[in-house]
């Protein structure tokens, strides 16, 4: 659990990098984002905890974000043009 505005900014920065993989990211992150405002006092409440846990869960359980197991076979799909290769 973040204990300061700086820690929240760091977490949101990391999570924001993966925002395209998290549906409804901006709504999920809203309680945490509000804590980073200058006019907002740092008060960690239930909404903040729920938001933090949900984002953390989505970042760690999305199959695209897990390292592949080298012992198992897997297929890599990608978009590419012949000009880019």
Protein backbone atom coordinates (compact mmCIF):
# COMPACT_ATOMS: atom_id res chain seq x y z
CA UNK A 1 0.00 0.00 0.00
CA UNK A 2 1.41 3.41 -0.95
CA UNK A 3 2.08 5.65 2.03
CA UNK A 4 2.71 8.97 0.29
CA UNK A 5 1.75 10.98 -2.77
CA UNK A 6 5.14 10.18 -4.30
CA UNK A 7 4.52 6.44 -3.99
CA UNK A 8 1.09 6.81 -5.59
CA UNK A 9 2.61 8.75 -8.49
CA UNK A 10 5.22 6.04 -8.98
CA UNK A 11 2.56 3.30 -8.95
CA UNK A 12 0.30 5.22 -11.34
CA UNK A 13 3.25 5.85 -13.65
CA UNK A 14 4.01 2.15 -13.83
CA UNK A 15 0.36 1.17 -14.17
CA UNK A 16 -0.20 3.89 -16.78
CA UNK A 17 2.41 2.31 -19.01
CA UNK A 18 0.11 -0.74 -19.27
CA UNK A 19 -3.17 1.19 -19.39
CA UNK A 20 -4.05 -0.06 -22.86
CA UNK A 21 -4.28 -3.59 -21.45
CA UNK A 22 -6.63 -2.58 -18.62
CA UNK A 23 -10.20 -1.84 -19.62
CA UNK A 24 -11.61 1.19 -17.80
CA UNK A 25 -8.19 2.18 -16.47
CA UNK A 26 -9.07 5.84 -15.90
CA UNK A 27 -12.14 4.99 -13.83
CA UNK A 28 -10.22 2.42 -11.80
CA UNK A 29 -7.35 4.82 -11.12
CA UNK A 30 -9.54 7.85 -10.30
CA UNK A 31 -9.47 7.51 -6.49
CA UNK A 32 -5.67 7.26 -6.58
CA UNK A 33 -5.33 10.08 -9.10
CA UNK A 34 -7.41 12.36 -6.88
CA UNK A 35 -4.94 11.82 -4.03
CA UNK A 36 -2.13 13.29 -6.15
CA UNK A 37 -3.82 16.68 -6.48
CA UNK A 38 -2.22 19.57 -4.64
CA UNK A 39 -5.48 20.69 -3.00
CA UNK A 40 -6.33 17.15 -1.83
CA UNK A 41 -5.29 15.86 1.59
CA UNK A 42 -3.68 12.41 1.62
CA UNK A 43 -6.37 10.23 3.17
CA UNK A 44 -6.24 6.54 2.26
CA UNK A 45 -9.82 5.25 2.35
CA UNK A 46 -11.71 2.18 1.21
CA UNK A 47 -12.12 3.44 -2.35
CA UNK A 48 -8.37 3.99 -2.64
CA UNK A 49 -7.64 0.52 -1.29
CA UNK A 50 -10.17 -1.08 -3.64
CA UNK A 51 -8.74 0.83 -6.61
CA UNK A 52 -5.15 -0.07 -5.68
CA UNK A 53 -5.91 -3.77 -5.22
CA UNK A 54 -7.94 -3.97 -8.45
CA UNK A 55 -5.22 -2.30 -10.51
CA UNK A 56 -2.54 -4.44 -8.90
CA UNK A 57 -4.58 -7.56 -9.61
CA UNK A 58 -5.16 -6.67 -13.23
CA UNK A 59 -1.49 -5.90 -13.75
CA UNK A 60 -0.38 -9.25 -12.36
CA UNK A 61 -3.03 -11.61 -13.74
CA UNK A 62 -3.38 -10.53 -17.36
CA UNK A 63 -1.97 -13.37 -19.48
CA UNK A 64 -0.22 -10.93 -21.85
CA UNK A 65 1.88 -9.63 -18.98
CA UNK A 66 3.24 -12.96 -17.75
CA UNK A 67 6.59 -14.27 -18.90
CA UNK A 68 6.27 -17.38 -21.07
CA UNK A 69 7.28 -20.72 -19.62
CA UNK A 70 10.28 -21.89 -21.66
CA UNK A 71 9.40 -25.53 -20.88
CA UNK A 72 6.06 -25.21 -22.68
CA UNK A 73 5.49 -24.39 -26.33
CA UNK A 74 3.85 -21.08 -27.20
CA UNK A 75 3.02 -19.05 -30.30
CA UNK A 76 3.84 -15.38 -30.74
CA UNK A 77 1.45 -13.32 -32.86
CA UNK A 78 2.40 -9.85 -34.02
CA UNK A 79 1.42 -7.20 -36.50
CA UNK A 80 4.21 -6.37 -38.91
CA UNK A 81 4.65 -5.20 -42.43
CA UNK A 82 7.28 -6.47 -44.83
CA UNK A 83 8.78 -2.97 -44.86
CA UNK A 84 9.36 -3.08 -41.11
CA UNK A 85 11.14 -6.40 -41.05
